[in-house]
C-alpha atoms as a PDB file:
ATOM      1  CA  MET A   1      21.774 -13.684  19.343  1.00  0.00           C
ATOM      2  CA  VAL A   2      18.978 -14.883  17.104  1.00  0.00           C
ATOM      3  CA  ARG A   3      19.269 -14.082  13.431  1.00  0.00           C
ATOM      4  CA  LEU A   4      16.423 -14.759  11.010  1.00  0.00           C
ATOM      5  CA  ASN A   5      17.188 -14.253   7.358  1.00  0.00           C
ATOM      6  CA  ARG A   6      14.098 -16.030   6.055  1.00  0.00           C
ATOM      7  CA  ILE A   7      10.717 -16.268   7.676  1.00  0.00           C
ATOM      8  CA  TYR A   8       9.471 -19.282   5.760  1.00  0.00           C
ATOM      9  CA  THR A   9      11.415 -22.529   5.469  1.00  0.00           C
ATOM     10  CA  ARG A  10       8.781 -24.914   4.060  1.00  0.00           C
ATOM     11  CA  THR A  11       9.965 -27.529   6.577  1.00  0.00           C
ATOM     12  CA  GLY A  12       6.633 -27.353   8.420  1.00  0.00           C
ATOM     13  CA  ASP A  13       4.497 -28.011   5.385  1.00  0.00           C
ATOM     14  CA  ASP A  14       4.212 -31.646   6.458  1.00  0.00           C
ATOM     15  CA  GLY A  15       2.547 -30.683   9.757  1.00  0.00           C
ATOM     16  CA  THR A  16       5.673 -30.879  11.905  1.00  0.00           C
ATOM     17  CA  THR A  17       7.857 -28.302  13.553  1.00  0.00           C
ATOM     18  CA  GLY A  18      11.384 -28.332  14.922  1.00  0.00           C
ATOM     19  CA  LEU A  19      12.416 -28.262  18.557  1.00  0.00           C
ATOM     20  CA  VAL A  20      15.607 -26.730  19.941  1.00  0.00           C
ATOM     21  CA  ASP A  21      17.491 -30.039  19.731  1.00  0.00           C
ATOM     22  CA  GLY A  22      16.621 -30.474  16.043  1.00  0.00           C
ATOM     23  CA  SER A  23      13.971 -33.128  16.604  1.00  0.00           C
ATOM     24  CA  ARG A  24      10.585 -32.665  14.980  1.00  0.00           C
ATOM     25  CA  VAL A  25       7.121 -33.024  16.475  1.00  0.00           C
ATOM     26  CA  ALA A  26       3.591 -32.634  15.154  1.00  0.00           C
ATOM     27  CA  LYS A  27       2.318 -29.074  15.242  1.00  0.00           C
ATOM     28  CA  ASP A  28      -0.542 -30.247  17.447  1.00  0.00           C
ATOM     29  CA  ASP A  29       1.781 -31.961  19.942  1.00  0.00           C
ATOM     30  CA  PRO A  30       0.944 -30.919  23.539  1.00  0.00           C
ATOM     31  CA  ARG A  31       4.347 -29.215  23.795  1.00  0.00           C
ATOM     32  CA  MET A  32       3.577 -27.099  20.730  1.00  0.00           C
ATOM     33  CA  ALA A  33       0.091 -26.289  22.046  1.00  0.00           C
ATOM     34  CA  ALA A  34       1.685 -24.949  25.235  1.00  0.00           C
ATOM     35  CA  ILE A  35       4.194 -22.903  23.243  1.00  0.00           C
ATOM     36  CA  GLY A  36       1.331 -21.467  21.186  1.00  0.00           C
ATOM     37  CA  GLU A  37      -0.605 -20.498  24.315  1.00  0.00           C
ATOM     38  CA  VAL A  38       2.490 -18.771  25.729  1.00  0.00           C
ATOM     39  CA  ASP A  39       2.857 -16.888  22.432  1.00  0.00           C
ATOM     40  CA  GLU A  40      -0.774 -15.765  22.604  1.00  0.00           C
ATOM     41  CA  LEU A  41      -0.245 -14.697  26.210  1.00  0.00           C
ATOM     42  CA  ASN A  42       2.787 -12.665  25.189  1.00  0.00           C
ATOM     43  CA  SER A  43       0.762 -10.972  22.459  1.00  0.00           C
ATOM     44  CA  ALA A  44      -2.058 -10.136  24.878  1.00  0.00           C
ATOM     45  CA  ILE A  45       0.452  -8.590  27.262  1.00  0.00           C
ATOM     46  CA  GLY A  46       1.789  -6.574  24.329  1.00  0.00           C
ATOM     47  CA  VAL A  47      -1.692  -5.124  23.795  1.00  0.00           C
ATOM     48  CA  ALA A  48      -1.880  -4.223  27.493  1.00  0.00           C
ATOM     49  CA  VAL A  49       1.507  -2.502  27.270  1.00  0.00           C
ATOM     50  CA  ALA A  50       0.338  -0.562  24.204  1.00  0.00           C
ATOM     51  CA  VAL A  51      -2.511   1.067  26.172  1.00  0.00           C
ATOM     52  CA  MET A  52      -0.632   1.396  29.472  1.00  0.00           C
ATOM     53  CA  ASN A  53      -0.073   4.973  30.614  1.00  0.00           C
ATOM     54  CA  ASP A  54       2.269   4.046  33.491  1.00  0.00           C
ATOM     55  CA  PRO A  55       5.884   3.573  32.333  1.00  0.00           C
ATOM     56  CA  GLY A  56       6.832   1.530  35.421  1.00  0.00           C
ATOM     57  CA  ARG A  57       3.988  -0.934  34.979  1.00  0.00           C
ATOM     58  CA  ALA A  58       4.650  -1.099  31.239  1.00  0.00           C
ATOM     59  CA  ALA A  59       8.301  -1.914  31.967  1.00  0.00           C
ATOM     60  CA  LEU A  60       7.225  -4.679  34.362  1.00  0.00           C
ATOM     61  CA  LEU A  61       5.066  -6.224  31.647  1.00  0.00           C
ATOM     62  CA  GLN A  62       7.826  -5.877  29.046  1.00  0.00           C
ATOM     63  CA  SER A  63      10.194  -7.774  31.336  1.00  0.00           C
ATOM     64  CA  VAL A  64       7.523 -10.478  31.577  1.00  0.00           C
ATOM     65  CA  GLN A  65       7.302 -10.548  27.777  1.00  0.00           C
ATOM     66  CA  ASN A  66      11.024 -11.208  27.603  1.00  0.00           C
ATOM     67  CA  ASP A  67      10.668 -13.986  30.194  1.00  0.00           C
ATOM     68  CA  LEU A  68       7.872 -15.511  28.116  1.00  0.00           C
ATOM     69  CA  PHE A  69      10.236 -15.827  25.155  1.00  0.00           C
ATOM     70  CA  ASP A  70      12.633 -17.635  27.504  1.00  0.00           C
ATOM     71  CA  LEU A  71       9.737 -19.806  28.642  1.00  0.00           C
ATOM     72  CA  GLY A  72       8.830 -20.659  25.050  1.00  0.00           C
ATOM     73  CA  ALA A  73      12.440 -21.667  24.404  1.00  0.00           C
ATOM     74  CA  ASP A  74      12.371 -23.725  27.600  1.00  0.00           C
ATOM     75  CA  LEU A  75       9.232 -25.567  26.460  1.00  0.00           C
ATOM     76  CA  ALA A  76      10.823 -26.140  23.035  1.00  0.00           C
ATOM     77  CA  THR A  77      13.851 -27.831  24.622  1.00  0.00           C
ATOM     78  CA  PRO A  78      13.156 -31.528  25.230  1.00  0.00           C
ATOM     79  CA  GLY A  79      14.768 -33.487  28.018  1.00  0.00           C
ATOM     80  CA  ASP A  80      14.719 -33.666  31.769  1.00  0.00           C
ATOM     81  CA  ASP A  81      17.834 -31.616  32.542  1.00  0.00           C
ATOM     82  CA  PHE A  82      16.441 -28.209  33.441  1.00  0.00           C
ATOM     83  CA  ALA A  83      19.763 -26.559  34.225  1.00  0.00           C
ATOM     84  CA  PRO A  84      20.346 -23.472  32.076  1.00  0.00           C
ATOM     85  CA  SER A  85      23.563 -22.998  30.149  1.00  0.00           C
ATOM     86  CA  ASP A  86      25.003 -20.630  27.576  1.00  0.00           C
ATOM     87  CA  MET A  87      23.230 -22.646  24.894  1.00  0.00           C
ATOM     88  CA  VAL A  88      20.048 -23.687  26.752  1.00  0.00           C
ATOM     89  CA  LEU A  89      17.427 -21.243  28.017  1.00  0.00           C
ATOM     90  CA  ARG A  90      15.525 -22.404  31.064  1.00  0.00           C
ATOM     91  CA  ILE A  91      13.245 -20.552  33.443  1.00  0.00           C
ATOM     92  CA  ILE A  92      14.981 -20.420  36.813  1.00  0.00           C
ATOM     93  CA  PRO A  93      13.565 -19.918  40.325  1.00  0.00           C
ATOM     94  CA  PRO A  94      14.802 -16.281  40.608  1.00  0.00           C
ATOM     95  CA  GLN A  95      12.492 -15.378  37.706  1.00  0.00           C
ATOM     96  CA  VAL A  96       9.550 -16.797  39.676  1.00  0.00           C
ATOM     97  CA  GLU A  97      10.738 -14.978  42.808  1.00  0.00           C
ATOM     98  CA  ARG A  98      10.876 -11.700  40.861  1.00  0.00           C
ATOM     99  CA  LEU A  99       7.169 -12.137  40.059  1.00  0.00           C
ATOM    100  CA  GLU A 100       6.425 -12.819  43.727  1.00  0.00           C
ATOM    101  CA  LEU A 101       8.214  -9.621  44.768  1.00  0.00           C
ATOM    102  CA  ALA A 102       6.214  -7.637  42.212  1.00  0.00           C
ATOM    103  CA  ILE A 103       2.958  -9.214  43.426  1.00  0.00           C
ATOM    104  CA  ASP A 104       3.775  -8.351  47.030  1.00  0.00           C
ATOM    105  CA  ALA A 105       4.733  -4.763  46.141  1.00  0.00           C
ATOM    106  CA  LEU A 106       1.522  -4.188  44.168  1.00  0.00           C
ATOM    107  CA  ASN A 107      -0.737  -5.966  46.652  1.00  0.00           C
ATOM    108  CA  GLU A 108       0.621  -3.980  49.600  1.00  0.00           C
ATOM    109  CA  HIS A 109      -1.370  -0.917  48.508  1.00  0.00           C
ATOM    110  CA  LEU A 110      -4.623  -2.675  47.592  1.00  0.00           C
ATOM    111  CA  GLU A 111      -7.766  -2.905  49.674  1.00  0.00           C
ATOM    112  CA  PRO A 112      -8.590  -6.470  50.705  1.00  0.00           C
ATOM    113  CA  LEU A 113     -11.013  -8.225  48.381  1.00  0.00           C
ATOM    114  CA  ARG A 114     -14.677  -8.127  49.437  1.00  0.00           C
ATOM    115  CA  SER A 115     -15.999 -10.036  46.451  1.00  0.00           C
ATOM    116  CA  PHE A 116     -14.859 -11.666  43.257  1.00  0.00           C
ATOM    117  CA  ILE A 117     -13.936  -9.133  40.591  1.00  0.00           C
ATOM    118  CA  LEU A 118     -15.440  -8.916  37.136  1.00  0.00           C
ATOM    119  CA  PRO A 119     -12.754  -8.493  34.460  1.00  0.00           C
ATOM    120  CA  GLY A 120     -12.827  -4.914  33.259  1.00  0.00           C
ATOM    121  CA  GLY A 121     -12.405  -1.390  34.475  1.00  0.00           C
ATOM    122  CA  SER A 122     -10.015   0.787  32.509  1.00  0.00           C
ATOM    123  CA  PRO A 123      -8.889  -0.396  29.066  1.00  0.00           C
ATOM    124  CA  ALA A 124      -5.424  -1.248  30.402  1.00  0.00           C
ATOM    125  CA  ALA A 125      -6.873  -3.245  33.311  1.00  0.00           C
ATOM    126  CA  ALA A 126      -9.294  -5.052  30.993  1.00  0.00           C
ATOM    127  CA  TYR A 127      -6.421  -6.103  28.726  1.00  0.00           C
ATOM    128  CA  VAL A 128      -4.412  -7.246  31.743  1.00  0.00           C
ATOM    129  CA  HIS A 129      -7.422  -9.302  32.909  1.00  0.00           C
ATOM    130  CA  LEU A 130      -7.608 -10.863  29.431  1.00  0.00           C
ATOM    131  CA  ALA A 131      -3.895 -11.691  29.614  1.00  0.00           C
ATOM    132  CA  ARG A 132      -4.526 -13.265  33.049  1.00  0.00           C
ATOM    133  CA  ALA A 133      -7.159 -15.585  31.601  1.00  0.00           C
ATOM    134  CA  ILE A 134      -4.801 -16.532  28.763  1.00  0.00           C
ATOM    135  CA  ALA A 135      -2.031 -17.153  31.321  1.00  0.00           C
ATOM    136  CA  ARG A 136      -4.290 -19.667  33.054  1.00  0.00           C
ATOM    137  CA  ARG A 137      -4.935 -21.394  29.715  1.00  0.00           C
ATOM    138  CA  ALA A 138      -1.198 -21.432  28.972  1.00  0.00           C
ATOM    139  CA  GLU A 139      -0.590 -22.983  32.385  1.00  0.00           C
ATOM    140  CA  ARG A 140      -3.185 -25.691  31.701  1.00  0.00           C
ATOM    141  CA  ALA A 141      -1.587 -26.410  28.315  1.00  0.00           C
ATOM    142  CA  ALA A 142       1.861 -26.623  29.913  1.00  0.00           C
ATOM    143  CA  MET A 143       0.486 -29.063  32.495  1.00  0.00           C
ATOM    144  CA  THR A 144      -0.961 -31.178  29.675  1.00  0.00           C
ATOM    145  CA  ALA A 145       2.446 -31.117  27.968  1.00  0.00           C
ATOM    146  CA  ALA A 146       4.048 -32.163  31.262  1.00  0.00           C
ATOM    147  CA  GLY A 147       1.810 -35.222  31.243  1.00  0.00           C
ATOM    148  CA  ALA A 148       3.358 -36.303  27.950  1.00  0.00           C
ATOM    149  CA  ALA A 149       7.016 -35.302  28.440  1.00  0.00           C
ATOM    150  CA  PRO A 150       9.166 -33.658  31.127  1.00  0.00           C
ATOM    151  CA  VAL A 151       8.559 -29.920  31.573  1.00  0.00           C
ATOM    152  CA  ASN A 152      10.662 -27.624  33.726  1.00  0.00           C
ATOM    153  CA  PRO A 153       8.891 -27.206  37.092  1.00  0.00           C
ATOM    154  CA  ALA A 154      10.122 -23.603  37.269  1.00  0.00           C
ATOM    155  CA  ALA A 155       8.350 -22.877  33.970  1.00  0.00           C
ATOM    156  CA  LEU A 156       5.103 -24.230  35.416  1.00  0.00           C
ATOM    157  CA  ALA A 157       5.575 -22.165  38.588  1.00  0.00           C
ATOM    158  CA  TYR A 158       6.305 -19.069  36.482  1.00  0.00           C
ATOM    159  CA  LEU A 159       3.001 -19.384  34.616  1.00  0.00           C
ATOM    160  CA  ASN A 160       1.129 -19.922  37.873  1.00  0.00           C
ATOM    161  CA  ARG A 161       2.688 -16.849  39.492  1.00  0.00           C
ATOM    162  CA  LEU A 162       2.230 -14.787  36.334  1.00  0.00           C
ATOM    163  CA  SER A 163      -1.547 -15.156  36.407  1.00  0.00           C
ATOM    164  CA  ASP A 164      -1.452 -13.974  40.044  1.00  0.00           C
ATOM    165  CA  LEU A 165       0.695 -10.986  39.073  1.00  0.00           C
ATOM    166  CA  LEU A 166      -1.673 -10.058  36.257  1.00  0.00           C
ATOM    167  CA  PHE A 167      -4.677 -10.225  38.606  1.00  0.00           C
ATOM    168  CA  VAL A 168      -3.038  -7.953  41.179  1.00  0.00           C
ATOM    169  CA  LEU A 169      -1.744  -5.606  38.472  1.00  0.00           C
ATOM    170  CA  ALA A 170      -5.244  -5.236  36.980  1.00  0.00           C
ATOM    171  CA  ARG A 171      -6.532  -4.308  40.436  1.00  0.00           C
ATOM    172  CA  ALA A 172      -3.722  -1.795  40.888  1.00  0.00           C
ATOM    173  CA  ILE A 173      -4.430  -0.232  37.502  1.00  0.00           C
ATOM    174  CA  ASN A 174      -8.091   0.141  38.446  1.00  0.00           C
ATOM    175  CA  ALA A 175      -7.408   2.957  40.916  1.00  0.00           C
ATOM    176  CA  ASP A 176      -5.499   0.722  43.300  1.00  0.00           C
ATOM    177  CA  GLY A 177      -8.510  -1.521  43.744  1.00  0.00           C
ATOM    178  CA  ALA A 178     -11.068   1.232  44.289  1.00  0.00           C
ATOM    179  CA  GLY A 179     -12.173   0.941  40.669  1.00  0.00           C
ATOM    180  CA  ASP A 180     -12.672  -2.838  40.751  1.00  0.00           C
ATOM    181  CA  ILE A 181     -15.961  -4.036  39.317  1.00  0.00           C
ATOM    182  CA  LEU A 182     -17.319  -6.362  41.971  1.00  0.00           C
ATOM    183  CA  TRP A 183     -19.376  -9.450  41.274  1.00  0.00           C
ATOM    184  CA  ILE A 184     -22.852  -9.269  42.812  1.00  0.00           C
ATOM    185  CA  PRO A 185     -24.051 -12.849  43.169  1.00  0.00           C
ATOM    186  CA  GLY A 186     -27.515 -13.350  41.694  1.00  0.00           C
ATOM    187  CA  ALA A 187     -27.815  -9.701  40.649  1.00  0.00           C
ATOM    188  CA  GLN A 188     -29.687 -10.542  37.440  1.00  0.00           C
ATOM    189  CA  ARG A 189     -32.261 -12.950  38.908  1.00  0.00           C
END
């Protein structure tokens, strides 16, 4: 269990921050950029949950939020041993598979796509679309971090699947796809 007695430590005043193993890196290190993007993604999902009027879908997103904290801890743990333990949080393949099952369940009831979709629709769907775009940015940042140091492949897969889940969920929120706002190529020419 995490216990925070003080919020500020002053240890980061020199532009560094601590990783799980006690080592310190620059706050603009690619690993820290990825962690920051995941944090922003988690916050965007929190906004979507706040306007969600479907308890089941809100619960799905809250479980994702919890996973994203695990993912942040995973990214903050240096090394190339991605096996989880009692003391080391790592994203594991069953977490990715859980997203795939949710995608399949949501997508089963949607009309096939006839066009690209403009982000929007209901407020909840619009916030989920925003979270999807942030998930893609978080994935790109994690890939950049992986170019500099080992990153858990399951964490990368999780971010990739999460953006897919958020896309399908936004469609489901928008009247099971009937309320999608379709892109009309060249409509403003």
